[in-house]
Every structure is written in structure tokens, then in C-alpha cells.
Amino acid sequence: MRLSWDDYFLKMAETACLRSTCLRAQFGAVLVKNHTLISTGYNGAASGVKSCLEQGDCVRERLHIPSGENYEICHSVHAEANAIIRASFDLMDDATLYIFGLQQEKPRSGMPCFMCWRMIFNARIGKVIYLDEEGQKKIVNVKVVDRGRILSYSERET
């Protein structure tokens, strides 16, 4: 059976997540425009910084910091951010960002965090496609989504 374009690029994001250096969760991101790969990224330590994988220790785990809180206490750059950083700004206009996540070898929602949503908005990315924790595909049309609701601290749904 031939994969759809979305499934094809989600598989690429899944492969990218296998490069992650995070001990807690692995994420991969693929940025695509007109079915052409623009950039990839995975969550891992900033350039020149020793990763948690290399250190054998996650400071966030050690300090019992819940997921989604206190991002500043982490050496990693998110997969979405790495894909955006490595892409040409002009190519990102109306592109699609695919995100895949794993935690303890089980699916983890690829929904971007607040910081990554802001980067996605500023990069003029047109669509975000990710799998939720049930493995169901979620598609967010960034051009028409209520950005204020996404960036609010109330219950988030896309």
C-alpha cells in the first residue's frame, strides 16, 4: 500500500525523533513545502552543550519538573525549533510542519508547546500535522486558528 503524503512525512518525523538526545521524550519534526523536504529537526542539546544522553542524567527528571513546565531548566532545543532554525525563512511561508513524539517507546502527543507555537506563527508556517497520544492524526490550519486560544493557559484543544 502506498503511503499518503502526510503519512510519508510523519514517518520521516518518526525517524528524526530517533536522533533525539533527550532521556525523557523523543520528538522529530519535518518541514515540507509542495511535497518537498525543507528541513528536519529533533529535540536535543543546544550546539556545543553536552546532552543528557551523553551525561546520563536529565536535570528535569532529577528535579521532578513536570512536562510542559520550566522549559528554561533544560539543555534541549525542541524538534520544531530545530527544524525552523535550519530552514530558509522564505521557504517556510505556508509550509507544513510534521511532528512525531515518543515517550518510553509509546506515542506522545506532538502538539507544539507555547514557545514552539510562537515560532511557528512567526515563521508563517501554514499547517501543523502531528499525532496525538492515541496515534490519531491532528491537522491545524495555522492561517485560520485562534492564536490567542492556543497561547492561553486554559484547556488547549486544536
C-alpha atoms as a PDB file:
ATOM      1  CA  MET A   1       0.000   0.000   0.000  1.00  0.00           C
ATOM      2  CA  ARG A   2       1.305   3.423  -0.930  1.00  0.00           C
ATOM      3  CA  LEU A   3       1.543   5.971   1.901  1.00  0.00           C
ATOM      4  CA  SER A   4      -0.281   9.281   1.703  1.00  0.00           C
ATOM      5  CA  TRP A   5       1.936  12.378   1.666  1.00  0.00           C
ATOM      6  CA  ASP A   6       1.013  13.114   5.293  1.00  0.00           C
ATOM      7  CA  ASP A   7       1.865   9.597   6.448  1.00  0.00           C
ATOM      8  CA  TYR A   8       5.093   9.668   4.435  1.00  0.00           C
ATOM      9  CA  PHE A   9       6.281  12.860   6.126  1.00  0.00           C
ATOM     10  CA  LEU A  10       5.080  11.721   9.567  1.00  0.00           C
ATOM     11  CA  LYS A  11       7.258   8.615   9.092  1.00  0.00           C
ATOM     12  CA  MET A  12      10.179  10.921   8.327  1.00  0.00           C
ATOM     13  CA  ALA A  13       9.443  12.828  11.554  1.00  0.00           C
ATOM     14  CA  GLU A  14       9.342   9.497  13.388  1.00  0.00           C
ATOM     15  CA  THR A  15      12.773   8.652  12.004  1.00  0.00           C
ATOM     16  CA  ALA A  16      14.093  12.094  13.003  1.00  0.00           C
ATOM     17  CA  CYS A  17      12.902  11.530  16.587  1.00  0.00           C
ATOM     18  CA  LEU A  18      15.237   8.539  16.793  1.00  0.00           C
ATOM     19  CA  ARG A  19      18.159  11.039  16.703  1.00  0.00           C
ATOM     20  CA  SER A  20      16.926  12.718  19.902  1.00  0.00           C
ATOM     21  CA  THR A  21      19.356  13.075  22.789  1.00  0.00           C
ATOM     22  CA  CYS A  22      16.616  13.649  25.375  1.00  0.00           C
ATOM     23  CA  LEU A  23      16.230  10.962  28.029  1.00  0.00           C
ATOM     24  CA  ARG A  24      12.616  11.886  28.823  1.00  0.00           C
ATOM     25  CA  ALA A  25      10.880  12.065  25.439  1.00  0.00           C
ATOM     26  CA  GLN A  26      11.889  11.950  21.783  1.00  0.00           C
ATOM     27  CA  PHE A  27      10.456  14.249  19.120  1.00  0.00           C
ATOM     28  CA  GLY A  28      11.127  14.653  15.436  1.00  0.00           C
ATOM     29  CA  ALA A  29       9.951  17.389  13.082  1.00  0.00           C
ATOM     30  CA  VAL A  30       9.918  17.666   9.315  1.00  0.00           C
ATOM     31  CA  LEU A  31       9.246  20.907   7.462  1.00  0.00           C
ATOM     32  CA  VAL A  32       7.820  20.473   3.959  1.00  0.00           C
ATOM     33  CA  LYS A  33       6.570  22.703   1.155  1.00  0.00           C
ATOM     34  CA  ASN A  34       4.907  21.427  -2.007  1.00  0.00           C
ATOM     35  CA  HIS A  35       5.825  17.846  -1.062  1.00  0.00           C
ATOM     36  CA  THR A  36       9.499  18.835  -0.893  1.00  0.00           C
ATOM     37  CA  LEU A  37      11.575  18.480   2.264  1.00  0.00           C
ATOM     38  CA  ILE A  38      12.859  21.829   3.560  1.00  0.00           C
ATOM     39  CA  SER A  39      14.314  20.917   6.940  1.00  0.00           C
ATOM     40  CA  THR A  40      14.292  18.381   9.759  1.00  0.00           C
ATOM     41  CA  GLY A  41      14.865  18.614  13.481  1.00  0.00           C
ATOM     42  CA  TYR A  42      14.825  16.559  16.644  1.00  0.00           C
ATOM     43  CA  ASN A  43      14.946  17.522  20.292  1.00  0.00           C
ATOM     44  CA  GLY A  44      18.436  17.622  21.651  1.00  0.00           C
ATOM     45  CA  ALA A  45      21.038  19.694  23.425  1.00  0.00           C
ATOM     46  CA  ALA A  46      21.955  23.075  22.008  1.00  0.00           C
ATOM     47  CA  SER A  47      25.054  23.152  19.833  1.00  0.00           C
ATOM     48  CA  GLY A  48      28.210  22.781  21.893  1.00  0.00           C
ATOM     49  CA  VAL A  49      26.330  21.665  25.024  1.00  0.00           C
ATOM     50  CA  LYS A  50      26.731  18.160  26.409  1.00  0.00           C
ATOM     51  CA  SER A  51      23.417  16.321  26.037  1.00  0.00           C
ATOM     52  CA  CYS A  52      21.526  14.499  28.769  1.00  0.00           C
ATOM     53  CA  LEU A  53      22.174  11.284  26.834  1.00  0.00           C
ATOM     54  CA  GLU A  54      25.943  11.935  26.997  1.00  0.00           C
ATOM     55  CA  GLN A  55      25.732  12.925  30.662  1.00  0.00           C
ATOM     56  CA  GLY A  56      23.445  10.033  31.577  1.00  0.00           C
ATOM     57  CA  ASP A  57      21.286  12.434  33.576  1.00  0.00           C
ATOM     58  CA  CYS A  58      18.181  14.547  32.977  1.00  0.00           C
ATOM     59  CA  VAL A  59      18.103  17.542  35.292  1.00  0.00           C
ATOM     60  CA  ARG A  60      14.349  17.882  34.808  1.00  0.00           C
ATOM     61  CA  GLU A  61      13.783  14.285  35.935  1.00  0.00           C
ATOM     62  CA  ARG A  62      16.153  14.731  38.872  1.00  0.00           C
ATOM     63  CA  LEU A  63      14.263  17.875  39.987  1.00  0.00           C
ATOM     64  CA  HIS A  64      10.840  16.257  39.341  1.00  0.00           C
ATOM     65  CA  ILE A  65       9.801  19.005  36.913  1.00  0.00           C
ATOM     66  CA  PRO A  66       6.572  18.074  35.130  1.00  0.00           C
ATOM     67  CA  SER A  67       6.434  18.036  31.352  1.00  0.00           C
ATOM     68  CA  GLY A  68       5.381  21.380  29.932  1.00  0.00           C
ATOM     69  CA  GLU A  69       6.780  23.448  32.805  1.00  0.00           C
ATOM     70  CA  ASN A  70      10.005  25.367  33.364  1.00  0.00           C
ATOM     71  CA  TYR A  71      11.452  24.866  29.893  1.00  0.00           C
ATOM     72  CA  GLU A  72      14.370  27.082  30.848  1.00  0.00           C
ATOM     73  CA  ILE A  73      15.655  24.213  33.018  1.00  0.00           C
ATOM     74  CA  CYS A  74      16.608  22.035  30.074  1.00  0.00           C
ATOM     75  CA  HIS A  75      19.570  21.692  27.713  1.00  0.00           C
ATOM     76  CA  SER A  76      17.411  20.621  24.781  1.00  0.00           C
ATOM     77  CA  VAL A  77      16.073  22.594  21.867  1.00  0.00           C
ATOM     78  CA  HIS A  78      12.674  21.344  20.696  1.00  0.00           C
ATOM     79  CA  ALA A  79      12.399  19.461  17.398  1.00  0.00           C
ATOM     80  CA  GLU A  80      10.123  22.110  15.878  1.00  0.00           C
ATOM     81  CA  ALA A  81      12.558  24.873  16.829  1.00  0.00           C
ATOM     82  CA  ASN A  82      15.494  22.983  15.320  1.00  0.00           C
ATOM     83  CA  ALA A  83      13.604  22.434  12.049  1.00  0.00           C
ATOM     84  CA  ILE A  84      12.661  26.130  11.895  1.00  0.00           C
ATOM     85  CA  ILE A  85      16.174  27.339  12.789  1.00  0.00           C
ATOM     86  CA  ARG A  86      17.681  25.305   9.948  1.00  0.00           C
ATOM     87  CA  ALA A  87      15.204  26.402   7.272  1.00  0.00           C
ATOM     88  CA  SER A  88      15.197  29.390   4.952  1.00  0.00           C
ATOM     89  CA  PHE A  89      12.603  31.932   6.078  1.00  0.00           C
ATOM     90  CA  ASP A  90      11.205  32.387   2.569  1.00  0.00           C
ATOM     91  CA  LEU A  91      10.653  28.647   2.135  1.00  0.00           C
ATOM     92  CA  MET A  92       8.666  28.354   5.380  1.00  0.00           C
ATOM     93  CA  ASP A  93       5.840  30.631   4.187  1.00  0.00           C
ATOM     94  CA  ASP A  94       2.762  28.364   4.007  1.00  0.00           C
ATOM     95  CA  ALA A  95       4.867  25.217   4.569  1.00  0.00           C
ATOM     96  CA  THR A  96       3.672  22.204   6.588  1.00  0.00           C
ATOM     97  CA  LEU A  97       5.357  21.099   9.807  1.00  0.00           C
ATOM     98  CA  TYR A  98       5.037  17.408  10.721  1.00  0.00           C
ATOM     99  CA  ILE A  99       5.767  16.370  14.330  1.00  0.00           C
ATOM    100  CA  PHE A 100       6.141  12.908  15.844  1.00  0.00           C
ATOM    101  CA  GLY A 101       6.725  12.104  19.516  1.00  0.00           C
ATOM    102  CA  LEU A 102       7.632   9.092  21.655  1.00  0.00           C
ATOM    103  CA  GLN A 103       7.993   8.589  25.379  1.00  0.00           C
ATOM    104  CA  GLN A 104       9.124   5.247  26.740  1.00  0.00           C
ATOM    105  CA  GLU A 105       8.570   3.822  23.238  1.00  0.00           C
ATOM    106  CA  LYS A 106       4.877   4.828  23.276  1.00  0.00           C
ATOM    107  CA  PRO A 107       3.253   7.584  21.229  1.00  0.00           C
ATOM    108  CA  ARG A 108       3.355  11.018  22.803  1.00  0.00           C
ATOM    109  CA  SER A 109       1.365  13.958  21.501  1.00  0.00           C
ATOM    110  CA  GLY A 110       3.314  16.058  19.051  1.00  0.00           C
ATOM    111  CA  MET A 111       1.229  19.160  19.776  1.00  0.00           C
ATOM    112  CA  PRO A 112       3.664  22.078  19.969  1.00  0.00           C
ATOM    113  CA  CYS A 113       4.285  23.907  23.246  1.00  0.00           C
ATOM    114  CA  PHE A 114       3.630  27.641  23.665  1.00  0.00           C
ATOM    115  CA  MET A 115       7.206  28.568  22.716  1.00  0.00           C
ATOM    116  CA  CYS A 116       7.115  26.491  19.552  1.00  0.00           C
ATOM    117  CA  TRP A 117       3.676  27.815  18.538  1.00  0.00           C
ATOM    118  CA  ARG A 118       5.081  31.355  18.662  1.00  0.00           C
ATOM    119  CA  MET A 119       7.951  30.318  16.381  1.00  0.00           C
ATOM    120  CA  ILE A 120       5.502  28.564  14.040  1.00  0.00           C
ATOM    121  CA  PHE A 121       3.380  31.731  13.830  1.00  0.00           C
ATOM    122  CA  ASN A 122       6.391  33.969  13.178  1.00  0.00           C
ATOM    123  CA  ALA A 123       7.820  31.585  10.570  1.00  0.00           C
ATOM    124  CA  ARG A 124       4.499  31.871   8.669  1.00  0.00           C
ATOM    125  CA  ILE A 125       4.111  28.085   8.590  1.00  0.00           C
ATOM    126  CA  GLY A 126       0.703  27.269   7.123  1.00  0.00           C
ATOM    127  CA  LYS A 127      -0.153  23.886   8.618  1.00  0.00           C
ATOM    128  CA  VAL A 128       0.940  21.686  11.533  1.00  0.00           C
ATOM    129  CA  ILE A 129       0.284  17.942  11.437  1.00  0.00           C
ATOM    130  CA  TYR A 130       1.040  15.724  14.415  1.00  0.00           C
ATOM    131  CA  LEU A 131      -0.107  12.550  16.113  1.00  0.00           C
ATOM    132  CA  ASP A 132      -1.832  12.705  19.491  1.00  0.00           C
ATOM    133  CA  GLU A 133      -1.139  10.250  22.312  1.00  0.00           C
ATOM    134  CA  GLU A 134      -3.622   7.809  20.748  1.00  0.00           C
ATOM    135  CA  GLY A 135      -1.737   7.921  17.446  1.00  0.00           C
ATOM    136  CA  GLN A 136      -4.535   9.893  15.756  1.00  0.00           C
ATOM    137  CA  LYS A 137      -3.532  12.475  13.162  1.00  0.00           C
ATOM    138  CA  LYS A 138      -4.307  16.094  14.081  1.00  0.00           C
ATOM    139  CA  ILE A 139      -4.186  18.858  11.496  1.00  0.00           C
ATOM    140  CA  VAL A 140      -4.032  22.525  12.456  1.00  0.00           C
ATOM    141  CA  ASN A 141      -4.511  25.156   9.763  1.00  0.00           C
ATOM    142  CA  VAL A 142      -2.265  27.834  11.243  1.00  0.00           C
ATOM    143  CA  LYS A 143      -3.637  30.538   8.947  1.00  0.00           C
ATOM    144  CA  VAL A 144      -7.138  30.350  10.483  1.00  0.00           C
ATOM    145  CA  VAL A 145      -6.567  29.001  14.008  1.00  0.00           C
ATOM    146  CA  ASP A 146      -7.402  31.192  17.017  1.00  0.00           C
ATOM    147  CA  ARG A 147      -3.859  32.069  18.057  1.00  0.00           C
ATOM    148  CA  GLY A 148      -4.989  33.682  21.303  1.00  0.00           C
ATOM    149  CA  ARG A 149      -6.708  30.454  22.365  1.00  0.00           C
ATOM    150  CA  ILE A 150      -3.662  28.344  21.511  1.00  0.00           C
ATOM    151  CA  LEU A 151      -1.426  30.637  23.555  1.00  0.00           C
ATOM    152  CA  SER A 152      -3.794  30.846  26.533  1.00  0.00           C
ATOM    153  CA  TYR A 153      -3.344  28.835  29.685  1.00  0.00           C
ATOM    154  CA  SER A 154      -6.887  27.495  29.597  1.00  0.00           C
ATOM    155  CA  GLU A 155      -7.622  23.955  28.402  1.00  0.00           C
ATOM    156  CA  ARG A 156      -5.936  23.653  24.997  1.00  0.00           C
ATOM    157  CA  GLU A 157      -7.560  21.916  22.067  1.00  0.00           C
ATOM    158  CA  THR A 158      -6.765  22.292  18.389  1.00  0.00           C
END
